[in-house]
Amino acid sequence: MTEGYFQEAKEFMAHVKNGYVPMILTLTGMMEEYADAGRTKDALIVYRMMEDNKCAANRPNAYTYSVIIKALVKDKDPDFLGVAKECVMEMMGRGMQPNAGTYVAVSEGFVEKEKAEEGRELVEVMKAKGFVADKKAVREVLKGQRGVLVDKVIKMVFGVFGL
């Protein structure tokens, strides 16, 4: 699944077709497996290995950031929210924008852990750095969902006006 990161997927496939699997693809896959198994700490260890790598080709790309950010905000440990915020800022600092699935997941994480004000502050910092939420994409991510959580996420991402 590319989650809107088609350019990254296209680049990966070009390498794979030539018989080469980039290390970033392997490591991101490991992160996804750890995240799916509820092993957020292990996913974070793999992410930190990528961050420490001196080879730019093996550093996290937008999809990799999406994987780790979603794992962090999904975890029951509220301490991971701070790490997720750091990852969002690192991502944006490298010129990448989170997709709708990622920033909706971040917003949901802050709302679910009753830290909505902290989440709103993060969104404001993101906006100051050029982030613009895509209303159509958010609608698609939230399609079929209703309730207080969705209302709070919409308010967090778009302010009082919502979708």
N, C-alpha and C. Protein backbone atom coordinates (compact mmCIF):
# COMPACT_ATOMS: atom_id res chain seq x y z
N MET A 1 0.85 -1.18 0.00
CA MET A 1 0.00 0.00 0.00
C MET A 1 0.90 1.24 0.00
N THR A 2 0.61 2.19 -0.87
CA THR A 2 1.44 3.38 -0.98
C THR A 2 0.92 4.54 -0.17
N GLU A 3 -0.36 4.52 0.21
CA GLU A 3 -0.98 5.57 1.00
C GLU A 3 -0.74 6.97 0.42
N GLY A 4 -0.71 7.07 -0.89
CA GLY A 4 -0.54 8.37 -1.52
C GLY A 4 0.91 8.71 -1.82
N TYR A 5 1.83 7.87 -1.41
CA TYR A 5 3.24 8.12 -1.67
C TYR A 5 3.66 7.34 -2.92
N PHE A 6 3.06 7.70 -4.03
CA PHE A 6 3.27 6.96 -5.27
C PHE A 6 4.69 7.10 -5.81
N GLN A 7 5.29 8.26 -5.65
CA GLN A 7 6.65 8.47 -6.16
C GLN A 7 7.63 7.53 -5.47
N GLU A 8 7.51 7.41 -4.14
CA GLU A 8 8.38 6.51 -3.40
C GLU A 8 8.18 5.07 -3.86
N ALA A 9 6.91 4.68 -4.02
CA ALA A 9 6.61 3.31 -4.47
C ALA A 9 7.19 3.06 -5.85
N LYS A 10 7.08 4.03 -6.72
CA LYS A 10 7.59 3.91 -8.08
C LYS A 10 9.12 3.72 -8.08
N GLU A 11 9.79 4.49 -7.24
CA GLU A 11 11.25 4.38 -7.13
C GLU A 11 11.65 3.00 -6.60
N PHE A 12 10.92 2.52 -5.60
CA PHE A 12 11.21 1.19 -5.05
C PHE A 12 11.06 0.12 -6.12
N MET A 13 9.96 0.20 -6.85
CA MET A 13 9.69 -0.83 -7.86
C MET A 13 10.73 -0.84 -8.96
N ALA A 14 11.27 0.31 -9.30
CA ALA A 14 12.32 0.37 -10.31
C ALA A 14 13.53 -0.43 -9.84
N HIS A 15 13.87 -0.32 -8.57
CA HIS A 15 15.00 -1.07 -8.01
C HIS A 15 14.69 -2.57 -7.94
N VAL A 16 13.48 -2.89 -7.49
CA VAL A 16 13.10 -4.28 -7.32
C VAL A 16 13.09 -5.00 -8.66
N LYS A 17 12.61 -4.33 -9.71
CA LYS A 17 12.59 -4.93 -11.04
C LYS A 17 13.99 -5.26 -11.52
N ASN A 18 14.98 -4.51 -11.03
CA ASN A 18 16.37 -4.75 -11.41
C ASN A 18 17.04 -5.76 -10.48
N GLY A 19 16.27 -6.39 -9.61
CA GLY A 19 16.81 -7.41 -8.73
C GLY A 19 17.47 -6.89 -7.47
N TYR A 20 17.23 -5.63 -7.14
CA TYR A 20 17.84 -5.01 -5.97
C TYR A 20 16.74 -4.53 -5.03
N VAL A 21 16.80 -4.94 -3.79
CA VAL A 21 15.82 -4.49 -2.80
C VAL A 21 16.53 -3.48 -1.90
N PRO A 22 16.15 -2.21 -1.99
CA PRO A 22 16.80 -1.19 -1.17
C PRO A 22 16.63 -1.48 0.32
N MET A 23 17.68 -1.19 1.09
CA MET A 23 17.65 -1.43 2.54
C MET A 23 16.47 -0.71 3.19
N ILE A 24 16.14 0.50 2.71
CA ILE A 24 15.03 1.25 3.31
C ILE A 24 13.72 0.48 3.17
N LEU A 25 13.56 -0.24 2.08
CA LEU A 25 12.36 -1.03 1.87
C LEU A 25 12.29 -2.17 2.89
N THR A 26 13.40 -2.81 3.11
CA THR A 26 13.47 -3.91 4.08
C THR A 26 13.20 -3.39 5.49
N LEU A 27 13.86 -2.30 5.85
CA LEU A 27 13.71 -1.76 7.20
C LEU A 27 12.29 -1.22 7.44
N THR A 28 11.73 -0.57 6.45
CA THR A 28 10.35 -0.07 6.59
C THR A 28 9.39 -1.25 6.75
N GLY A 29 9.63 -2.31 6.00
CA GLY A 29 8.81 -3.52 6.14
C GLY A 29 8.93 -4.11 7.54
N MET A 30 10.13 -4.10 8.09
CA MET A 30 10.32 -4.58 9.47
C MET A 30 9.53 -3.71 10.44
N MET A 31 9.60 -2.40 10.24
CA MET A 31 8.86 -1.48 11.11
C MET A 31 7.37 -1.78 11.05
N GLU A 32 6.85 -1.99 9.86
CA GLU A 32 5.42 -2.29 9.70
C GLU A 32 5.05 -3.57 10.43
N GLU A 33 5.88 -4.60 10.31
CA GLU A 33 5.60 -5.86 10.98
C GLU A 33 5.61 -5.69 12.49
N TYR A 34 6.60 -4.98 13.02
CA TYR A 34 6.63 -4.72 14.46
C TYR A 34 5.40 -3.92 14.89
N ALA A 35 5.06 -2.91 14.13
CA ALA A 35 3.90 -2.07 14.46
C ALA A 35 2.62 -2.91 14.46
N ASP A 36 2.44 -3.73 13.44
CA ASP A 36 1.25 -4.57 13.34
C ASP A 36 1.16 -5.57 14.50
N ALA A 37 2.32 -5.96 15.04
CA ALA A 37 2.36 -6.90 16.16
C ALA A 37 2.26 -6.19 17.51
N GLY A 38 2.10 -4.86 17.47
CA GLY A 38 2.01 -4.10 18.71
C GLY A 38 3.34 -3.89 19.40
N ARG A 39 4.42 -4.07 18.67
CA ARG A 39 5.77 -3.93 19.22
C ARG A 39 6.36 -2.58 18.81
N THR A 40 5.76 -1.53 19.32
CA THR A 40 6.14 -0.17 18.96
C THR A 40 7.59 0.14 19.29
N LYS A 41 8.06 -0.32 20.44
CA LYS A 41 9.46 -0.06 20.83
C LYS A 41 10.43 -0.64 19.81
N ASP A 42 10.13 -1.83 19.32
CA ASP A 42 11.00 -2.45 18.32
C ASP A 42 10.94 -1.69 17.00
N ALA A 43 9.74 -1.24 16.61
CA ALA A 43 9.61 -0.44 15.39
C ALA A 43 10.43 0.84 15.53
N LEU A 44 10.41 1.43 16.71
CA LEU A 44 11.16 2.66 16.96
C LEU A 44 12.67 2.41 16.90
N ILE A 45 13.11 1.26 17.37
CA ILE A 45 14.54 0.91 17.28
C ILE A 45 14.98 0.85 15.82
N VAL A 46 14.18 0.21 14.98
CA VAL A 46 14.51 0.13 13.55
C VAL A 46 14.52 1.53 12.94
N TYR A 47 13.54 2.33 13.29
CA TYR A 47 13.48 3.71 12.78
C TYR A 47 14.74 4.48 13.17
N ARG A 48 15.15 4.37 14.43
CA ARG A 48 16.35 5.08 14.90
C ARG A 48 17.60 4.59 14.17
N MET A 49 17.65 3.30 13.84
CA MET A 49 18.78 2.78 13.05
C MET A 49 18.82 3.48 11.70
N MET A 50 17.66 3.66 11.11
CA MET A 50 17.59 4.34 9.82
C MET A 50 18.04 5.79 9.95
N GLU A 51 17.60 6.45 10.99
CA GLU A 51 17.96 7.84 11.24
C GLU A 51 19.47 8.01 11.40
N ASP A 52 20.09 7.04 12.06
CA ASP A 52 21.53 7.11 12.33
C ASP A 52 22.38 6.73 11.13
N ASN A 53 21.76 6.15 10.12
CA ASN A 53 22.49 5.69 8.95
C ASN A 53 23.09 6.87 8.20
N LYS A 54 24.35 6.75 7.86
CA LYS A 54 25.05 7.83 7.15
C LYS A 54 24.68 7.88 5.67
N CYS A 55 24.13 6.80 5.15
CA CYS A 55 23.76 6.74 3.74
C CYS A 55 22.38 7.35 3.55
N ALA A 56 22.31 8.44 2.82
CA ALA A 56 21.04 9.15 2.62
C ALA A 56 19.98 8.26 1.96
N ALA A 57 20.40 7.30 1.14
CA ALA A 57 19.45 6.42 0.46
C ALA A 57 18.70 5.52 1.43
N ASN A 58 19.25 5.32 2.61
CA ASN A 58 18.62 4.46 3.61
C ASN A 58 17.95 5.25 4.72
N ARG A 59 17.86 6.54 4.57
CA ARG A 59 17.17 7.36 5.55
C ARG A 59 15.67 7.28 5.31
N PRO A 60 14.87 7.56 6.35
CA PRO A 60 13.41 7.47 6.18
C PRO A 60 12.88 8.37 5.06
N ASN A 61 11.93 7.82 4.31
CA ASN A 61 11.22 8.62 3.32
C ASN A 61 9.83 8.91 3.87
N ALA A 62 8.98 9.54 3.09
CA ALA A 62 7.65 9.93 3.57
C ALA A 62 6.83 8.72 4.02
N TYR A 63 6.91 7.62 3.29
CA TYR A 63 6.15 6.44 3.68
C TYR A 63 6.68 5.87 5.00
N THR A 64 7.99 5.83 5.15
CA THR A 64 8.60 5.33 6.38
C THR A 64 8.14 6.17 7.57
N TYR A 65 8.16 7.49 7.40
CA TYR A 65 7.68 8.36 8.48
C TYR A 65 6.23 8.06 8.81
N SER A 66 5.42 7.84 7.80
CA SER A 66 4.01 7.53 8.02
C SER A 66 3.86 6.26 8.86
N VAL A 67 4.64 5.26 8.56
CA VAL A 67 4.58 3.98 9.28
C VAL A 67 4.92 4.19 10.76
N ILE A 68 6.03 4.86 11.04
CA ILE A 68 6.46 5.01 12.44
C ILE A 68 5.53 5.95 13.20
N ILE A 69 5.10 7.02 12.57
CA ILE A 69 4.20 7.97 13.25
C ILE A 69 2.90 7.28 13.63
N LYS A 70 2.32 6.54 12.71
CA LYS A 70 1.06 5.83 13.00
C LYS A 70 1.25 4.80 14.11
N ALA A 71 2.37 4.10 14.10
CA ALA A 71 2.63 3.12 15.17
C ALA A 71 2.73 3.81 16.52
N LEU A 72 3.41 4.93 16.55
CA LEU A 72 3.60 5.65 17.81
C LEU A 72 2.29 6.18 18.39
N VAL A 73 1.46 6.77 17.55
CA VAL A 73 0.21 7.34 18.07
C VAL A 73 -0.82 6.27 18.40
N LYS A 74 -0.71 5.12 17.78
CA LYS A 74 -1.64 4.03 18.03
C LYS A 74 -1.34 3.33 19.36
N ASP A 75 -0.10 3.34 19.78
CA ASP A 75 0.31 2.66 21.00
C ASP A 75 -0.41 3.24 22.21
N LYS A 76 -0.71 2.40 23.16
CA LYS A 76 -1.42 2.85 24.37
C LYS A 76 -0.57 3.76 25.26
N ASP A 77 0.74 3.67 25.15
CA ASP A 77 1.64 4.47 25.98
C ASP A 77 1.60 5.93 25.50
N PRO A 78 1.08 6.84 26.32
CA PRO A 78 0.98 8.24 25.90
C PRO A 78 2.34 8.93 25.71
N ASP A 79 3.40 8.34 26.25
CA ASP A 79 4.74 8.92 26.07
C ASP A 79 5.18 8.89 24.61
N PHE A 80 4.62 7.95 23.84
CA PHE A 80 4.98 7.87 22.43
C PHE A 80 4.43 9.05 21.62
N LEU A 81 3.46 9.79 22.16
CA LEU A 81 2.94 10.96 21.43
C LEU A 81 4.04 11.99 21.21
N GLY A 82 4.88 12.19 22.21
CA GLY A 82 5.99 13.14 22.07
C GLY A 82 6.96 12.72 20.99
N VAL A 83 7.23 11.42 20.90
CA VAL A 83 8.12 10.91 19.86
C VAL A 83 7.46 11.07 18.49
N ALA A 84 6.15 10.84 18.44
CA ALA A 84 5.42 11.02 17.17
C ALA A 84 5.52 12.47 16.71
N LYS A 85 5.38 13.41 17.65
CA LYS A 85 5.51 14.84 17.30
C LYS A 85 6.89 15.11 16.73
N GLU A 86 7.92 14.56 17.36
CA GLU A 86 9.30 14.74 16.87
C GLU A 86 9.43 14.21 15.45
N CYS A 87 8.84 13.05 15.19
CA CYS A 87 8.91 12.45 13.86
C CYS A 87 8.20 13.30 12.82
N VAL A 88 7.05 13.86 13.19
CA VAL A 88 6.33 14.74 12.26
C VAL A 88 7.20 15.95 11.93
N MET A 89 7.84 16.52 12.94
CA MET A 89 8.68 17.70 12.71
C MET A 89 9.93 17.34 11.90
N GLU A 90 10.52 16.16 12.16
CA GLU A 90 11.67 15.70 11.36
C GLU A 90 11.26 15.55 9.90
N MET A 91 10.11 14.92 9.70
CA MET A 91 9.59 14.69 8.36
C MET A 91 9.43 16.01 7.62
N MET A 92 8.77 16.96 8.26
CA MET A 92 8.54 18.25 7.62
C MET A 92 9.84 19.02 7.46
N GLY A 93 10.76 18.85 8.40
CA GLY A 93 12.06 19.50 8.30
C GLY A 93 12.87 19.02 7.11
N ARG A 94 12.54 17.83 6.65
CA ARG A 94 13.22 17.28 5.47
C ARG A 94 12.42 17.52 4.20
N GLY A 95 11.43 18.40 4.29
CA GLY A 95 10.68 18.80 3.10
C GLY A 95 9.57 17.86 2.70
N MET A 96 9.18 16.96 3.59
CA MET A 96 8.10 16.02 3.29
C MET A 96 6.85 16.41 4.06
N GLN A 97 5.70 16.17 3.46
CA GLN A 97 4.43 16.47 4.09
C GLN A 97 3.73 15.17 4.47
N PRO A 98 3.15 15.12 5.68
CA PRO A 98 2.37 13.94 6.03
C PRO A 98 1.11 13.87 5.18
N ASN A 99 0.70 12.66 4.80
CA ASN A 99 -0.53 12.53 4.05
C ASN A 99 -1.72 12.55 5.01
N ALA A 100 -2.92 12.54 4.46
CA ALA A 100 -4.13 12.65 5.28
C ALA A 100 -4.23 11.52 6.29
N GLY A 101 -3.90 10.30 5.88
CA GLY A 101 -3.96 9.18 6.80
C GLY A 101 -3.05 9.37 8.00
N THR A 102 -1.91 9.99 7.77
CA THR A 102 -0.95 10.20 8.86
C THR A 102 -1.41 11.30 9.79
N TYR A 103 -1.82 12.47 9.25
CA TYR A 103 -2.20 13.53 10.18
C TYR A 103 -3.54 13.28 10.83
N VAL A 104 -4.41 12.50 10.21
CA VAL A 104 -5.65 12.09 10.89
C VAL A 104 -5.30 11.13 12.03
N ALA A 105 -4.39 10.19 11.79
CA ALA A 105 -3.98 9.25 12.84
C ALA A 105 -3.35 9.99 14.02
N VAL A 106 -2.53 10.99 13.72
CA VAL A 106 -1.91 11.79 14.78
C VAL A 106 -3.00 12.49 15.59
N SER A 107 -3.93 13.11 14.91
CA SER A 107 -5.02 13.81 15.59
C SER A 107 -5.84 12.85 16.44
N GLU A 108 -6.17 11.69 15.89
CA GLU A 108 -6.91 10.70 16.66
C GLU A 108 -6.14 10.27 17.90
N GLY A 109 -4.84 10.09 17.76
CA GLY A 109 -4.02 9.68 18.90
C GLY A 109 -4.06 10.69 20.03
N PHE A 110 -3.97 11.97 19.68
CA PHE A 110 -4.03 13.01 20.71
C PHE A 110 -5.41 13.09 21.35
N VAL A 111 -6.45 12.96 20.54
CA VAL A 111 -7.82 13.01 21.08
C VAL A 111 -8.07 11.82 21.99
N GLU A 112 -7.71 10.63 21.53
CA GLU A 112 -7.96 9.42 22.32
C GLU A 112 -7.22 9.43 23.65
N LYS A 113 -6.06 10.05 23.67
CA LYS A 113 -5.27 10.09 24.91
C LYS A 113 -5.54 11.36 25.71
N GLU A 114 -6.64 12.04 25.34
CA GLU A 114 -7.11 13.24 26.04
C GLU A 114 -6.03 14.33 26.11
N LYS A 115 -5.34 14.51 25.00
CA LYS A 115 -4.32 15.55 24.89
C LYS A 115 -4.62 16.41 23.66
N ALA A 116 -5.89 16.74 23.49
CA ALA A 116 -6.34 17.47 22.30
C ALA A 116 -5.66 18.83 22.18
N GLU A 117 -5.46 19.52 23.29
CA GLU A 117 -4.82 20.83 23.23
C GLU A 117 -3.39 20.72 22.69
N GLU A 118 -2.68 19.71 23.15
CA GLU A 118 -1.32 19.47 22.66
C GLU A 118 -1.35 19.14 21.16
N GLY A 119 -2.35 18.39 20.74
CA GLY A 119 -2.52 18.08 19.32
C GLY A 119 -2.80 19.31 18.49
N ARG A 120 -3.66 20.19 19.01
CA ARG A 120 -3.96 21.45 18.30
C ARG A 120 -2.70 22.30 18.15
N GLU A 121 -1.89 22.32 19.20
CA GLU A 121 -0.63 23.08 19.15
C GLU A 121 0.29 22.51 18.07
N LEU A 122 0.35 21.18 17.97
CA LEU A 122 1.16 20.56 16.93
C LEU A 122 0.66 20.96 15.54
N VAL A 123 -0.64 20.91 15.34
CA VAL A 123 -1.20 21.28 14.04
C VAL A 123 -0.85 22.74 13.71
N GLU A 124 -0.90 23.62 14.69
CA GLU A 124 -0.55 25.03 14.46
C GLU A 124 0.91 25.18 14.06
N VAL A 125 1.79 24.43 14.71
CA VAL A 125 3.22 24.46 14.35
C VAL A 125 3.41 23.93 12.94
N MET A 126 2.69 22.85 12.61
CA MET A 126 2.77 22.29 11.27
C MET A 126 2.31 23.31 10.23
N LYS A 127 1.21 23.99 10.51
CA LYS A 127 0.70 25.01 9.58
C LYS A 127 1.70 26.14 9.41
N ALA A 128 2.35 26.52 10.48
CA ALA A 128 3.37 27.59 10.41
C ALA A 128 4.54 27.16 9.53
N LYS A 129 4.74 25.86 9.40
CA LYS A 129 5.82 25.33 8.57
C LYS A 129 5.34 24.98 7.16
N GLY A 130 4.12 25.39 6.82
CA GLY A 130 3.62 25.22 5.46
C GLY A 130 2.64 24.08 5.25
N PHE A 131 2.27 23.38 6.30
CA PHE A 131 1.33 22.28 6.17
C PHE A 131 -0.06 22.81 5.83
N VAL A 132 -0.71 22.15 4.88
CA VAL A 132 -2.08 22.47 4.52
C VAL A 132 -2.84 21.14 4.44
N ALA A 133 -3.86 21.01 5.26
CA ALA A 133 -4.66 19.78 5.27
C ALA A 133 -5.53 19.73 4.02
N ASP A 134 -5.67 18.55 3.47
CA ASP A 134 -6.46 18.32 2.26
C ASP A 134 -7.85 17.83 2.68
N LYS A 135 -8.85 18.69 2.54
CA LYS A 135 -10.20 18.35 3.00
C LYS A 135 -10.76 17.11 2.32
N LYS A 136 -10.57 17.00 1.03
CA LYS A 136 -11.09 15.85 0.29
C LYS A 136 -10.43 14.56 0.79
N ALA A 137 -9.13 14.58 1.00
CA ALA A 137 -8.42 13.39 1.47
C ALA A 137 -8.84 13.03 2.89
N VAL A 138 -9.07 14.03 3.74
CA VAL A 138 -9.52 13.76 5.11
C VAL A 138 -10.90 13.14 5.08
N ARG A 139 -11.78 13.65 4.23
CA ARG A 139 -13.11 13.05 4.10
C ARG A 139 -13.00 11.57 3.74
N GLU A 140 -12.08 11.26 2.83
CA GLU A 140 -11.89 9.88 2.39
C GLU A 140 -11.39 9.01 3.55
N VAL A 141 -10.44 9.52 4.32
CA VAL A 141 -9.89 8.76 5.46
C VAL A 141 -10.97 8.52 6.51
N LEU A 142 -11.82 9.51 6.74
CA LEU A 142 -12.85 9.41 7.77
C LEU A 142 -14.18 8.85 7.25
N LYS A 143 -14.21 8.47 5.99
CA LYS A 143 -15.43 7.99 5.35
C LYS A 143 -16.09 6.89 6.18
N GLY A 144 -17.36 7.08 6.47
CA GLY A 144 -18.13 6.09 7.20
C GLY A 144 -17.99 6.18 8.71
N GLN A 145 -17.09 7.01 9.19
CA GLN A 145 -16.92 7.16 10.64
C GLN A 145 -17.76 8.33 11.13
N ARG A 146 -18.29 8.21 12.32
CA ARG A 146 -19.10 9.26 12.94
C ARG A 146 -18.75 9.32 14.41
N GLY A 147 -19.21 10.37 15.05
CA GLY A 147 -19.08 10.44 16.50
C GLY A 147 -18.19 11.56 16.99
N VAL A 148 -18.03 11.57 18.29
CA VAL A 148 -17.29 12.62 18.97
C VAL A 148 -15.83 12.64 18.53
N LEU A 149 -15.22 11.46 18.39
CA LEU A 149 -13.81 11.39 17.98
C LEU A 149 -13.61 12.08 16.64
N VAL A 150 -14.47 11.76 15.68
CA VAL A 150 -14.35 12.36 14.34
C VAL A 150 -14.54 13.87 14.42
N ASP A 151 -15.52 14.32 15.19
CA ASP A 151 -15.75 15.77 15.34
C ASP A 151 -14.51 16.46 15.91
N LYS A 152 -13.91 15.85 16.92
CA LYS A 152 -12.72 16.45 17.54
C LYS A 152 -11.53 16.45 16.60
N VAL A 153 -11.38 15.39 15.82
CA VAL A 153 -10.28 15.33 14.84
C VAL A 153 -10.45 16.43 13.80
N ILE A 154 -11.66 16.59 13.29
CA ILE A 154 -11.94 17.62 12.29
C ILE A 154 -11.64 19.00 12.86
N LYS A 155 -12.08 19.26 14.09
CA LYS A 155 -11.80 20.55 14.72
C LYS A 155 -10.31 20.77 14.92
N MET A 156 -9.60 19.70 15.27
CA MET A 156 -8.16 19.83 15.48
C MET A 156 -7.44 20.18 14.18
N VAL A 157 -7.80 19.50 13.10
CA VAL A 157 -7.11 19.68 11.83
C VAL A 157 -7.52 20.96 11.11
N PHE A 158 -8.83 21.27 11.15
CA PHE A 158 -9.32 22.39 10.35
C PHE A 158 -9.81 23.58 11.18
N GLY A 159 -9.82 23.47 12.48
CA GLY A 159 -10.37 24.54 13.29
C GLY A 159 -11.87 24.37 13.44
N VAL A 160 -12.54 25.41 13.84
CA VAL A 160 -13.97 25.31 14.15
C VAL A 160 -14.85 25.09 12.93
N PHE A 161 -14.35 25.36 11.74
CA PHE A 161 -15.17 25.27 10.54
C PHE A 161 -15.32 23.86 10.03
N GLY A 162 -14.35 23.00 10.28
CA GLY A 162 -14.42 21.60 9.86
C GLY A 162 -14.44 21.43 8.37
N LEU A 163 -15.02 20.32 7.95
CA LEU A 163 -15.08 19.98 6.53
C LEU A 163 -16.25 20.69 5.90
